[in-house]
N, C-alpha and C. Protein backbone atom coordinates (compact mmCIF):
# COMPACT_ATOMS: atom_id res chain seq x y z
N MET A 1 0.73 -1.17 0.00
CA MET A 1 0.04 0.26 -0.01
C MET A 1 0.82 1.40 0.04
N PRO A 2 0.83 2.23 -0.85
CA PRO A 2 1.57 3.14 -1.01
C PRO A 2 1.35 4.37 0.16
N ASP A 3 2.43 4.97 0.49
CA ASP A 3 2.21 6.16 1.59
C ASP A 3 1.19 7.13 1.03
N ARG A 4 0.59 7.71 2.10
CA ARG A 4 -0.35 8.80 1.48
C ARG A 4 0.47 10.03 1.22
N ASP A 5 -0.12 10.88 0.26
CA ASP A 5 0.54 12.09 -0.20
C ASP A 5 0.79 12.87 0.88
N PRO A 6 1.83 13.63 0.91
CA PRO A 6 2.05 14.68 1.90
C PRO A 6 0.97 15.80 1.76
N ILE A 7 0.71 16.68 2.99
CA ILE A 7 -0.48 17.53 3.03
C ILE A 7 0.30 19.05 2.80
N CYS A 8 -0.17 19.76 1.94
CA CYS A 8 0.26 21.23 1.82
C CYS A 8 -0.02 21.98 3.20
N PRO A 9 0.93 22.42 3.76
CA PRO A 9 0.52 23.04 5.15
C PRO A 9 -0.12 24.54 4.90
N LEU A 10 0.01 25.09 3.42
CA LEU A 10 -0.76 26.24 3.26
C LEU A 10 -2.35 25.97 2.89
N CYS A 11 -2.45 25.16 1.99
CA CYS A 11 -4.01 24.88 1.55
C CYS A 11 -4.68 23.77 2.23
N ASP A 12 -3.74 22.85 2.97
CA ASP A 12 -4.34 21.65 3.47
C ASP A 12 -4.88 20.40 2.42
N ARG A 13 -4.38 20.71 1.27
CA ARG A 13 -4.65 19.54 0.24
C ARG A 13 -3.50 18.57 0.11
N PRO A 14 -3.73 17.39 -0.40
CA PRO A 14 -2.86 16.42 -0.57
C PRO A 14 -2.02 17.07 -1.74
N ILE A 15 -0.47 16.84 -1.61
CA ILE A 15 0.38 17.10 -2.68
C ILE A 15 0.82 15.73 -3.40
N PRO A 16 0.17 15.68 -4.92
CA PRO A 16 0.56 14.46 -5.47
C PRO A 16 1.78 14.17 -5.82
N ASP A 17 2.31 13.13 -6.11
CA ASP A 17 3.85 12.94 -6.49
C ASP A 17 4.14 13.93 -7.38
N GLY A 18 5.33 14.48 -7.35
CA GLY A 18 5.89 15.54 -8.38
C GLY A 18 5.26 16.99 -8.23
N GLY A 19 4.24 17.07 -7.35
CA GLY A 19 3.56 18.23 -7.36
C GLY A 19 4.00 19.16 -6.36
N GLY A 20 5.00 18.87 -5.51
CA GLY A 20 5.53 19.66 -4.42
C GLY A 20 6.52 20.46 -4.80
N SER A 21 6.84 21.46 -3.93
CA SER A 21 7.99 22.42 -4.05
C SER A 21 8.58 22.85 -2.92
N LEU A 22 9.72 22.88 -2.41
CA LEU A 22 10.39 23.26 -1.11
C LEU A 22 10.34 24.74 -0.90
N HIS A 23 9.75 25.05 0.15
CA HIS A 23 9.81 26.63 0.22
C HIS A 23 10.55 26.82 1.54
N HIS A 24 11.50 27.85 1.63
CA HIS A 24 12.40 28.12 2.48
C HIS A 24 11.58 29.17 3.48
N LEU A 25 11.42 28.98 4.60
CA LEU A 25 10.41 29.89 5.32
C LEU A 25 11.27 31.41 5.47
N ILE A 26 12.61 31.44 5.60
CA ILE A 26 13.21 32.57 5.53
C ILE A 26 14.07 32.31 4.23
N PRO A 27 13.94 33.36 3.17
CA PRO A 27 14.79 33.00 1.92
C PRO A 27 16.07 32.89 2.03
N LYS A 28 16.59 32.13 1.17
CA LYS A 28 18.17 31.60 1.08
C LYS A 28 18.85 33.03 1.29
N LEU A 29 18.31 33.94 0.28
CA LEU A 29 19.21 35.10 0.01
C LEU A 29 19.21 36.10 1.37
N LYS A 30 18.24 35.77 2.13
CA LYS A 30 18.10 36.72 3.35
C LYS A 30 18.52 35.83 4.62
N GLY A 31 19.48 34.87 4.46
CA GLY A 31 20.03 33.94 5.61
C GLY A 31 19.18 32.70 5.88
N GLY A 32 18.40 32.37 5.04
CA GLY A 32 17.68 31.20 5.38
C GLY A 32 18.37 29.93 4.75
N LYS A 33 19.56 30.07 4.30
CA LYS A 33 20.05 28.78 3.86
C LYS A 33 20.31 27.82 4.87
N GLY A 34 19.92 26.47 4.87
CA GLY A 34 19.92 25.62 6.05
C GLY A 34 18.83 25.65 7.00
N GLY A 35 18.02 26.84 6.80
CA GLY A 35 16.97 26.89 7.82
C GLY A 35 15.91 26.28 7.68
N PRO A 36 14.57 26.25 8.04
CA PRO A 36 13.38 25.41 8.01
C PRO A 36 12.69 25.67 6.76
N THR A 37 12.30 24.65 6.20
CA THR A 37 11.49 24.32 4.98
C THR A 37 10.15 23.67 5.12
N VAL A 38 9.30 24.14 4.09
CA VAL A 38 8.09 23.22 4.14
C VAL A 38 7.95 23.02 2.57
N LEU A 39 6.94 21.75 2.62
CA LEU A 39 6.89 21.29 1.22
C LEU A 39 5.36 21.79 0.69
N LEU A 40 5.37 22.65 -0.18
CA LEU A 40 3.98 23.36 -0.76
C LEU A 40 3.69 22.79 -2.01
N HIS A 41 2.46 23.02 -2.36
CA HIS A 41 1.99 22.69 -3.91
C HIS A 41 2.81 23.62 -4.70
N VAL A 42 3.32 23.40 -5.81
CA VAL A 42 3.93 24.19 -6.75
C VAL A 42 3.04 25.42 -6.85
N ILE A 43 1.85 25.30 -7.19
CA ILE A 43 0.99 26.47 -7.52
C ILE A 43 0.96 27.40 -6.07
N CYS A 44 0.92 26.88 -5.04
CA CYS A 44 0.94 27.62 -3.70
C CYS A 44 2.22 28.35 -3.57
N HIS A 45 3.42 27.66 -3.92
CA HIS A 45 4.70 28.06 -3.76
C HIS A 45 4.86 29.25 -4.64
N LYS A 46 4.25 29.23 -5.92
CA LYS A 46 4.48 30.46 -7.05
C LYS A 46 3.53 31.56 -6.37
N GLU A 47 2.43 31.21 -5.90
CA GLU A 47 1.64 32.44 -5.32
C GLU A 47 2.44 33.12 -4.32
N VAL A 48 2.93 32.40 -3.50
CA VAL A 48 3.82 33.04 -2.62
C VAL A 48 4.81 34.06 -2.97
N HIS A 49 5.46 33.58 -3.85
CA HIS A 49 6.58 34.29 -4.48
C HIS A 49 6.04 35.38 -5.49
N ALA A 50 4.99 35.34 -5.85
CA ALA A 50 4.39 36.37 -6.91
C ALA A 50 3.87 37.34 -6.08
N THR A 51 3.59 37.10 -4.74
CA THR A 51 2.79 37.95 -3.89
C THR A 51 3.78 38.86 -2.88
N LEU A 52 4.89 38.14 -2.42
CA LEU A 52 5.76 38.77 -1.52
C LEU A 52 7.20 38.86 -1.86
N SER A 53 8.00 39.94 -1.55
CA SER A 53 9.35 40.11 -1.97
C SER A 53 10.00 39.21 -0.91
N GLU A 54 11.14 38.92 -1.25
CA GLU A 54 12.26 38.21 -0.44
C GLU A 54 12.25 38.86 1.01
N ALA A 55 12.32 40.20 1.06
CA ALA A 55 12.54 41.01 2.38
C ALA A 55 11.18 40.82 3.09
N GLU A 56 10.26 40.86 2.43
CA GLU A 56 8.73 40.88 2.98
C GLU A 56 8.70 39.57 3.71
N LEU A 57 9.11 38.32 2.97
CA LEU A 57 9.06 37.05 3.49
C LEU A 57 9.92 36.82 4.54
N ALA A 58 11.26 37.33 4.54
CA ALA A 58 11.82 37.08 5.76
C ALA A 58 11.52 37.81 7.05
N ARG A 59 11.04 39.33 6.63
CA ARG A 59 10.77 40.08 7.95
C ARG A 59 9.53 39.64 8.58
N ASN A 60 8.31 39.66 7.69
CA ASN A 60 6.98 39.27 8.36
C ASN A 60 6.15 38.12 7.97
N PHE A 61 6.77 37.37 7.06
CA PHE A 61 5.93 36.07 6.51
C PHE A 61 6.64 34.73 6.57
N ASN A 62 7.49 34.69 7.74
CA ASN A 62 8.45 33.66 7.53
C ASN A 62 7.93 32.21 8.47
N THR A 63 6.61 32.25 8.70
CA THR A 63 5.76 31.00 9.22
C THR A 63 4.59 30.91 8.14
N VAL A 64 4.05 29.63 8.15
CA VAL A 64 2.82 29.19 7.53
C VAL A 64 1.66 30.16 7.81
N GLU A 65 1.75 30.18 9.28
CA GLU A 65 0.62 30.93 9.85
C GLU A 65 0.39 32.47 9.39
N ALA A 66 1.66 32.87 9.34
CA ALA A 66 1.84 34.24 8.80
C ALA A 66 1.55 34.35 7.42
N LEU A 67 1.85 33.57 6.51
CA LEU A 67 1.53 33.59 5.16
C LEU A 67 0.03 33.61 5.09
N ARG A 68 -0.57 32.64 5.94
CA ARG A 68 -2.10 32.56 5.60
C ARG A 68 -2.76 33.85 5.89
N THR A 69 -2.23 34.81 6.37
CA THR A 69 -2.77 36.16 7.10
C THR A 69 -2.74 37.06 5.98
N HIS A 70 -1.93 36.84 4.89
CA HIS A 70 -1.70 37.91 3.89
C HIS A 70 -3.11 37.99 3.04
N PRO A 71 -3.62 39.20 2.90
CA PRO A 71 -4.81 38.99 2.30
C PRO A 71 -4.96 38.45 0.79
N ARG A 72 -4.04 38.76 -0.04
CA ARG A 72 -3.93 38.06 -1.34
C ARG A 72 -3.71 36.63 -1.15
N ILE A 73 -2.97 36.07 -0.43
CA ILE A 73 -2.61 34.57 -0.13
C ILE A 73 -3.97 34.03 0.49
N GLU A 74 -4.65 34.74 1.34
CA GLU A 74 -5.75 34.20 1.92
C GLU A 74 -6.88 34.07 0.95
N LYS A 75 -7.10 34.87 0.05
CA LYS A 75 -8.01 34.95 -1.12
C LYS A 75 -7.49 33.78 -1.97
N PHE A 76 -6.29 33.89 -2.36
CA PHE A 76 -5.85 32.55 -3.27
C PHE A 76 -6.11 31.27 -2.65
N LEU A 77 -6.07 31.02 -1.35
CA LEU A 77 -6.10 29.94 -0.71
C LEU A 77 -7.70 29.35 -0.77
N ASN A 78 -8.63 30.54 -0.47
CA ASN A 78 -10.04 30.20 -0.50
C ASN A 78 -10.33 29.61 -1.87
N TRP A 79 -9.78 30.05 -2.92
CA TRP A 79 -9.93 29.75 -4.44
C TRP A 79 -9.34 28.29 -4.58
N VAL A 80 -8.09 28.14 -4.31
CA VAL A 80 -7.43 26.85 -4.59
C VAL A 80 -8.04 25.70 -3.72
N ARG A 81 -8.45 25.96 -2.61
CA ARG A 81 -8.99 24.77 -1.80
C ARG A 81 -10.29 24.11 -2.45
N LYS A 82 -10.85 24.80 -3.60
CA LYS A 82 -11.96 24.19 -4.21
C LYS A 82 -11.40 23.29 -5.46
N ARG A 83 -10.22 23.36 -5.58
CA ARG A 83 -9.56 22.74 -6.90
C ARG A 83 -8.99 21.46 -6.32
N PRO A 84 -9.09 20.40 -7.33
CA PRO A 84 -8.30 19.07 -7.07
C PRO A 84 -6.85 19.32 -6.63
N PRO A 85 -6.34 18.17 -5.96
CA PRO A 85 -5.07 18.25 -5.51
C PRO A 85 -3.89 18.33 -6.43
N GLY A 86 -4.26 17.85 -7.74
CA GLY A 86 -3.09 17.94 -8.63
C GLY A 86 -3.15 19.27 -9.68
N PHE A 87 -4.12 20.22 -9.15
CA PHE A 87 -4.44 21.33 -10.13
C PHE A 87 -3.26 22.17 -10.23
N ARG A 88 -3.06 22.61 -11.63
CA ARG A 88 -1.82 23.37 -11.87
C ARG A 88 -2.46 24.65 -12.52
N SER A 89 -2.01 25.72 -12.44
CA SER A 89 -2.42 26.86 -13.28
C SER A 89 -1.29 27.92 -13.40
N LYS A 90 -1.24 28.90 -14.15
CA LYS A 90 -0.28 29.80 -14.40
C LYS A 90 -0.86 30.88 -13.34
N VAL A 91 0.26 31.46 -12.45
CA VAL A 91 -0.12 32.30 -11.44
C VAL A 91 -0.52 33.80 -12.10
N PRO A 92 -1.61 34.33 -12.00
CA PRO A 92 -2.08 35.53 -12.57
C PRO A 92 -0.92 36.69 -12.28
N GLY A 93 -1.02 37.69 -13.12
CA GLY A 93 -0.13 38.87 -12.51
C GLY A 93 1.34 38.57 -12.62
N LYS A 94 2.05 39.82 -12.64
CA LYS A 94 3.43 39.64 -12.57
C LYS A 94 4.32 39.28 -11.65
N ARG A 95 5.11 38.39 -11.68
CA ARG A 95 5.94 37.83 -10.58
C ARG A 95 6.87 39.26 -9.97
N ARG A 96 6.77 39.19 -8.79
CA ARG A 96 7.48 40.38 -8.16
C ARG A 96 8.89 40.08 -8.41
N GLY A 97 9.69 41.50 -8.54
CA GLY A 97 11.06 41.50 -8.42
C GLY A 97 11.69 40.72 -7.31
N ARG A 98 13.08 40.40 -7.28
CA ARG A 98 13.46 39.85 -6.12
C ARG A 98 14.20 41.02 -5.27
């Protein structure tokens, strides 16, 4: 019997094989190399980086709980939770500069 898929700590949906991406809670560029990481859906990870700069992530959004409080991410999570676990989509809007 195969192991159960890991659960995305951001959206609480199962992450199918190959659908996960490792997120450094403190960006590597801001001293987070070797720091805590979480496995997120690729789409959730892209949304985090499309929404927040590395500095914002390091300063104010360096926990899953804090990420969930950001208005755009909260809105995204409410939307993506209605999608199947393997759902992929281009993240709308321009990716933020680093």
